[in-house]
Amino acid sequence: EKQTKNLELKKEIHNILTLYNSKEFLKAKNKTKKLIEIYPKESNYYNLLGLILSQENKSEEAANVFKKAIKINPNFAVAYNNLGNIYKNRGNIKIAIWFDMVSLDVEKCIENHFL
């Protein structure tokens, strides 16, 4: 059952990224929000929603969504990096660097744990 869920998750993420890469942000956002309603503990969907909101220049909302992804999964290095990009785009370089460093630390810890 877990393997089936993982395959479904990957398929849905692929579908959302296809919409995102086609610049169909509204469709991607609506699909992601529906999936969040179904899977409220799935950090990947929050991260994708944050990316979409960033493209829509909704940086405050995007930052909150990335923080939600991190709250659900504190080991989600990509979400830390994306949050750092929000701060970088706002001109807050010190905080951006901090989030980038946390992202790298998380990745390193995960690599060391699984090697």
N, C-alpha and C. Protein backbone atom coordinates (compact mmCIF):
# COMPACT_ATOMS: atom_id res chain seq x y z
N GLU A 1 0.83 -1.21 0.00
CA GLU A 1 0.00 0.00 0.00
C GLU A 1 0.86 1.26 0.00
N LYS A 2 1.97 1.23 0.78
CA LYS A 2 2.86 2.38 0.82
C LYS A 2 3.52 2.61 -0.54
N GLN A 3 3.89 1.51 -1.21
CA GLN A 3 4.51 1.62 -2.52
C GLN A 3 3.53 2.23 -3.53
N THR A 4 2.27 1.85 -3.44
CA THR A 4 1.24 2.41 -4.32
C THR A 4 1.09 3.90 -4.08
N LYS A 5 1.11 4.30 -2.80
CA LYS A 5 1.00 5.73 -2.47
C LYS A 5 2.19 6.50 -3.02
N ASN A 6 3.39 5.93 -2.90
CA ASN A 6 4.59 6.59 -3.42
C ASN A 6 4.53 6.77 -4.94
N LEU A 7 4.03 5.75 -5.63
CA LEU A 7 3.89 5.86 -7.08
C LEU A 7 2.86 6.92 -7.45
N GLU A 8 1.77 6.96 -6.71
CA GLU A 8 0.73 7.97 -6.94
C GLU A 8 1.29 9.37 -6.68
N LEU A 9 2.05 9.52 -5.61
CA LEU A 9 2.67 10.79 -5.26
C LEU A 9 3.59 11.25 -6.39
N LYS A 10 4.45 10.37 -6.87
CA LYS A 10 5.38 10.72 -7.94
C LYS A 10 4.63 11.12 -9.21
N LYS A 11 3.56 10.41 -9.51
CA LYS A 11 2.76 10.71 -10.70
C LYS A 11 2.12 12.09 -10.58
N GLU A 12 1.56 12.38 -9.42
CA GLU A 12 0.91 13.68 -9.21
C GLU A 12 1.94 14.82 -9.25
N ILE A 13 3.08 14.60 -8.65
CA ILE A 13 4.14 15.62 -8.68
C ILE A 13 4.57 15.86 -10.13
N HIS A 14 4.73 14.79 -10.88
CA HIS A 14 5.09 14.92 -12.30
C HIS A 14 4.03 15.74 -13.06
N ASN A 15 2.76 15.44 -12.81
CA ASN A 15 1.67 16.17 -13.47
C ASN A 15 1.70 17.65 -13.12
N ILE A 16 1.92 17.96 -11.87
CA ILE A 16 1.98 19.36 -11.43
C ILE A 16 3.18 20.06 -12.05
N LEU A 17 4.33 19.39 -12.05
CA LEU A 17 5.53 19.99 -12.64
C LEU A 17 5.38 20.22 -14.14
N THR A 18 4.66 19.33 -14.80
CA THR A 18 4.39 19.52 -16.23
C THR A 18 3.58 20.79 -16.44
N LEU A 19 2.55 20.99 -15.63
CA LEU A 19 1.75 22.22 -15.70
C LEU A 19 2.61 23.44 -15.37
N TYR A 20 3.41 23.32 -14.34
CA TYR A 20 4.28 24.41 -13.89
C TYR A 20 5.26 24.80 -15.01
N ASN A 21 5.91 23.81 -15.60
CA ASN A 21 6.88 24.08 -16.66
C ASN A 21 6.23 24.62 -17.92
N SER A 22 4.94 24.35 -18.09
CA SER A 22 4.18 24.90 -19.22
C SER A 22 3.60 26.28 -18.89
N LYS A 23 3.98 26.79 -17.71
CA LYS A 23 3.52 28.09 -17.23
C LYS A 23 2.00 28.15 -17.05
N GLU A 24 1.41 27.00 -16.78
CA GLU A 24 -0.02 26.92 -16.46
C GLU A 24 -0.16 26.94 -14.94
N PHE A 25 0.20 28.09 -14.37
CA PHE A 25 0.30 28.21 -12.92
C PHE A 25 -1.04 28.07 -12.21
N LEU A 26 -2.10 28.61 -12.78
CA LEU A 26 -3.41 28.51 -12.14
C LEU A 26 -3.86 27.06 -12.05
N LYS A 27 -3.71 26.31 -13.14
CA LYS A 27 -4.08 24.89 -13.12
C LYS A 27 -3.21 24.12 -12.13
N ALA A 28 -1.91 24.41 -12.14
CA ALA A 28 -1.00 23.73 -11.22
C ALA A 28 -1.36 24.05 -9.78
N LYS A 29 -1.68 25.31 -9.52
CA LYS A 29 -2.04 25.71 -8.15
C LYS A 29 -3.32 25.03 -7.70
N ASN A 30 -4.33 25.02 -8.55
CA ASN A 30 -5.61 24.40 -8.19
C ASN A 30 -5.44 22.91 -7.92
N LYS A 31 -4.67 22.24 -8.76
CA LYS A 31 -4.44 20.81 -8.59
C LYS A 31 -3.68 20.55 -7.28
N THR A 32 -2.69 21.38 -7.01
CA THR A 32 -1.89 21.21 -5.79
C THR A 32 -2.74 21.44 -4.55
N LYS A 33 -3.57 22.47 -4.57
CA LYS A 33 -4.44 22.74 -3.41
C LYS A 33 -5.41 21.59 -3.16
N LYS A 34 -5.94 21.00 -4.22
CA LYS A 34 -6.84 19.85 -4.06
C LYS A 34 -6.09 18.67 -3.43
N LEU A 35 -4.86 18.45 -3.88
CA LEU A 35 -4.07 17.36 -3.32
C LEU A 35 -3.71 17.62 -1.86
N ILE A 36 -3.48 18.87 -1.50
CA ILE A 36 -3.20 19.20 -0.10
C ILE A 36 -4.41 18.90 0.77
N GLU A 37 -5.60 19.14 0.23
CA GLU A 37 -6.82 18.80 0.98
C GLU A 37 -6.90 17.30 1.23
N ILE A 38 -6.48 16.51 0.25
CA ILE A 38 -6.53 15.04 0.38
C ILE A 38 -5.38 14.53 1.25
N TYR A 39 -4.20 15.11 1.05
CA TYR A 39 -2.98 14.68 1.76
C TYR A 39 -2.37 15.86 2.52
N PRO A 40 -2.98 16.27 3.62
CA PRO A 40 -2.50 17.47 4.33
C PRO A 40 -1.13 17.32 4.99
N LYS A 41 -0.61 16.11 5.06
CA LYS A 41 0.70 15.87 5.69
C LYS A 41 1.79 15.60 4.66
N GLU A 42 1.50 15.87 3.39
CA GLU A 42 2.47 15.62 2.32
C GLU A 42 3.25 16.89 2.01
N SER A 43 4.47 16.97 2.51
CA SER A 43 5.28 18.18 2.39
C SER A 43 5.61 18.54 0.94
N ASN A 44 5.72 17.55 0.08
CA ASN A 44 6.03 17.83 -1.33
C ASN A 44 5.01 18.74 -1.98
N TYR A 45 3.74 18.54 -1.65
CA TYR A 45 2.69 19.37 -2.26
C TYR A 45 2.79 20.82 -1.78
N TYR A 46 3.12 21.01 -0.51
CA TYR A 46 3.30 22.38 0.00
C TYR A 46 4.49 23.05 -0.70
N ASN A 47 5.55 22.28 -0.90
CA ASN A 47 6.71 22.84 -1.59
C ASN A 47 6.35 23.27 -3.01
N LEU A 48 5.62 22.42 -3.71
CA LEU A 48 5.19 22.76 -5.07
C LEU A 48 4.29 23.99 -5.07
N LEU A 49 3.38 24.07 -4.11
CA LEU A 49 2.51 25.23 -4.02
C LEU A 49 3.34 26.49 -3.77
N GLY A 50 4.35 26.38 -2.94
CA GLY A 50 5.23 27.52 -2.69
C GLY A 50 5.94 27.98 -3.96
N LEU A 51 6.39 27.04 -4.77
CA LEU A 51 7.04 27.39 -6.04
C LEU A 51 6.08 28.13 -6.96
N ILE A 52 4.85 27.64 -7.02
CA ILE A 52 3.83 28.26 -7.87
C ILE A 52 3.53 29.68 -7.38
N LEU A 53 3.35 29.82 -6.08
CA LEU A 53 3.08 31.14 -5.51
C LEU A 53 4.24 32.10 -5.75
N SER A 54 5.45 31.59 -5.71
CA SER A 54 6.62 32.43 -6.00
C SER A 54 6.56 32.96 -7.42
N GLN A 55 6.16 32.11 -8.34
CA GLN A 55 6.05 32.53 -9.74
C GLN A 55 4.96 33.58 -9.92
N GLU A 56 3.98 33.56 -9.04
CA GLU A 56 2.90 34.54 -9.08
C GLU A 56 3.24 35.80 -8.28
N ASN A 57 4.50 35.90 -7.86
CA ASN A 57 4.98 37.04 -7.07
C ASN A 57 4.23 37.20 -5.75
N LYS A 58 3.85 36.10 -5.16
CA LYS A 58 3.18 36.09 -3.85
C LYS A 58 4.17 35.55 -2.83
N SER A 59 5.24 36.34 -2.61
CA SER A 59 6.36 35.83 -1.82
C SER A 59 5.99 35.57 -0.35
N GLU A 60 5.15 36.39 0.24
CA GLU A 60 4.78 36.18 1.64
C GLU A 60 4.00 34.87 1.80
N GLU A 61 3.04 34.67 0.91
CA GLU A 61 2.25 33.44 0.94
C GLU A 61 3.13 32.23 0.64
N ALA A 62 4.04 32.38 -0.32
CA ALA A 62 4.96 31.29 -0.66
C ALA A 62 5.85 30.94 0.53
N ALA A 63 6.37 31.96 1.21
CA ALA A 63 7.22 31.71 2.38
C ALA A 63 6.47 30.92 3.45
N ASN A 64 5.22 31.28 3.69
CA ASN A 64 4.42 30.56 4.69
C ASN A 64 4.20 29.11 4.29
N VAL A 65 4.01 28.87 3.00
CA VAL A 65 3.79 27.50 2.52
C VAL A 65 5.08 26.68 2.62
N PHE A 66 6.23 27.29 2.29
CA PHE A 66 7.51 26.58 2.46
C PHE A 66 7.74 26.25 3.94
N LYS A 67 7.39 27.18 4.82
CA LYS A 67 7.53 26.93 6.26
C LYS A 67 6.64 25.76 6.69
N LYS A 68 5.46 25.66 6.12
CA LYS A 68 4.55 24.55 6.43
C LYS A 68 5.19 23.23 5.97
N ALA A 69 5.80 23.23 4.77
CA ALA A 69 6.47 22.02 4.28
C ALA A 69 7.58 21.60 5.24
N ILE A 70 8.33 22.58 5.74
CA ILE A 70 9.44 22.30 6.66
C ILE A 70 8.90 21.81 8.01
N LYS A 71 7.79 22.37 8.45
CA LYS A 71 7.19 21.93 9.71
C LYS A 71 6.76 20.47 9.61
N ILE A 72 6.20 20.09 8.47
CA ILE A 72 5.78 18.71 8.26
C ILE A 72 6.99 17.79 8.15
N ASN A 73 8.01 18.25 7.42
CA ASN A 73 9.21 17.45 7.20
C ASN A 73 10.45 18.30 7.43
N PRO A 74 10.97 18.31 8.66
CA PRO A 74 12.14 19.14 8.99
C PRO A 74 13.40 18.75 8.20
N ASN A 75 13.39 17.61 7.53
CA ASN A 75 14.54 17.17 6.74
C ASN A 75 14.39 17.48 5.26
N PHE A 76 13.47 18.36 4.91
CA PHE A 76 13.17 18.68 3.51
C PHE A 76 14.09 19.81 3.05
N ALA A 77 15.29 19.43 2.61
CA ALA A 77 16.33 20.39 2.24
C ALA A 77 15.87 21.34 1.14
N VAL A 78 15.14 20.84 0.17
CA VAL A 78 14.70 21.67 -0.95
C VAL A 78 13.79 22.80 -0.47
N ALA A 79 12.94 22.52 0.50
CA ALA A 79 12.05 23.56 1.02
C ALA A 79 12.84 24.66 1.74
N TYR A 80 13.89 24.28 2.47
CA TYR A 80 14.77 25.29 3.08
C TYR A 80 15.41 26.16 2.01
N ASN A 81 15.88 25.52 0.96
CA ASN A 81 16.51 26.25 -0.13
C ASN A 81 15.51 27.20 -0.80
N ASN A 82 14.31 26.73 -1.04
CA ASN A 82 13.29 27.57 -1.66
C ASN A 82 12.91 28.75 -0.77
N LEU A 83 12.85 28.51 0.53
CA LEU A 83 12.57 29.60 1.46
C LEU A 83 13.72 30.61 1.45
N GLY A 84 14.94 30.10 1.36
CA GLY A 84 16.10 30.99 1.24
C GLY A 84 16.02 31.87 0.01
N ASN A 85 15.53 31.30 -1.09
CA ASN A 85 15.37 32.09 -2.32
C ASN A 85 14.36 33.21 -2.15
N ILE A 86 13.32 32.97 -1.38
CA ILE A 86 12.34 34.04 -1.11
C ILE A 86 13.04 35.21 -0.42
N TYR A 87 13.83 34.89 0.61
CA TYR A 87 14.53 35.95 1.34
C TYR A 87 15.57 36.64 0.46
N LYS A 88 16.25 35.87 -0.39
CA LYS A 88 17.23 36.46 -1.30
C LYS A 88 16.55 37.45 -2.24
N ASN A 89 15.41 37.06 -2.79
CA ASN A 89 14.67 37.94 -3.69
C ASN A 89 14.15 39.19 -3.00
N ARG A 90 13.95 39.11 -1.70
CA ARG A 90 13.53 40.27 -0.92
C ARG A 90 14.71 41.16 -0.54
N GLY A 91 15.92 40.68 -0.81
CA GLY A 91 17.11 41.44 -0.47
C GLY A 91 17.66 41.16 0.92
N ASN A 92 17.09 40.17 1.61
CA ASN A 92 17.54 39.82 2.94
C ASN A 92 18.56 38.69 2.83
N ILE A 93 19.78 39.07 2.45
CA ILE A 93 20.82 38.10 2.11
C ILE A 93 21.26 37.27 3.31
N LYS A 94 21.35 37.87 4.49
CA LYS A 94 21.81 37.11 5.67
C LYS A 94 20.87 35.95 5.97
N ILE A 95 19.58 36.20 5.96
CA ILE A 95 18.62 35.13 6.23
C ILE A 95 18.64 34.11 5.08
N ALA A 96 18.77 34.60 3.85
CA ALA A 96 18.83 33.70 2.69
C ALA A 96 20.02 32.74 2.82
N ILE A 97 21.16 33.27 3.20
CA ILE A 97 22.36 32.44 3.37
C ILE A 97 22.15 31.42 4.49
N TRP A 98 21.50 31.85 5.57
CA TRP A 98 21.23 30.94 6.68
C TRP A 98 20.39 29.76 6.21
N PHE A 99 19.31 30.03 5.46
CA PHE A 99 18.46 28.95 4.97
C PHE A 99 19.22 28.05 3.99
N ASP A 100 20.08 28.63 3.17
CA ASP A 100 20.88 27.83 2.25
C ASP A 100 21.84 26.92 3.02
N MET A 101 22.43 27.45 4.09
CA MET A 101 23.33 26.64 4.91
C MET A 101 22.57 25.51 5.60
N VAL A 102 21.39 25.80 6.11
CA VAL A 102 20.57 24.76 6.74
C VAL A 102 20.24 23.68 5.71
N SER A 103 19.90 24.11 4.51
CA SER A 103 19.58 23.17 3.43
C SER A 103 20.77 22.23 3.17
N LEU A 104 21.95 22.79 3.09
CA LEU A 104 23.15 21.97 2.85
C LEU A 104 23.44 21.04 4.03
N ASP A 105 23.24 21.55 5.25
CA ASP A 105 23.44 20.71 6.44
C ASP A 105 22.47 19.54 6.46
N VAL A 106 21.22 19.80 6.13
CA VAL A 106 20.22 18.74 6.11
C VAL A 106 20.59 17.69 5.07
N GLU A 107 20.98 18.14 3.88
CA GLU A 107 21.39 17.20 2.83
C GLU A 107 22.57 16.35 3.28
N LYS A 108 23.55 16.99 3.91
CA LYS A 108 24.75 16.28 4.36
C LYS A 108 24.39 15.25 5.42
N CYS A 109 23.53 15.61 6.36
CA CYS A 109 23.11 14.69 7.41
C CYS A 109 22.37 13.49 6.81
N ILE A 110 21.52 13.74 5.84
CA ILE A 110 20.78 12.65 5.21
C ILE A 110 21.73 11.74 4.45
N GLU A 111 22.66 12.32 3.71
CA GLU A 111 23.65 11.51 2.98
C GLU A 111 24.47 10.65 3.93
N ASN A 112 24.92 11.24 5.03
CA ASN A 112 25.73 10.49 5.99
C ASN A 112 24.93 9.37 6.65
N HIS A 113 23.66 9.62 6.85
CA HIS A 113 22.80 8.62 7.49
C HIS A 113 22.58 7.41 6.59
N PHE A 114 22.48 7.65 5.29
CA PHE A 114 22.15 6.56 4.37
C PHE A 114 23.36 5.94 3.69
N LEU A 115 24.55 6.47 3.91
CA LEU A 115 25.76 5.88 3.28
C LEU A 115 26.42 4.89 4.20
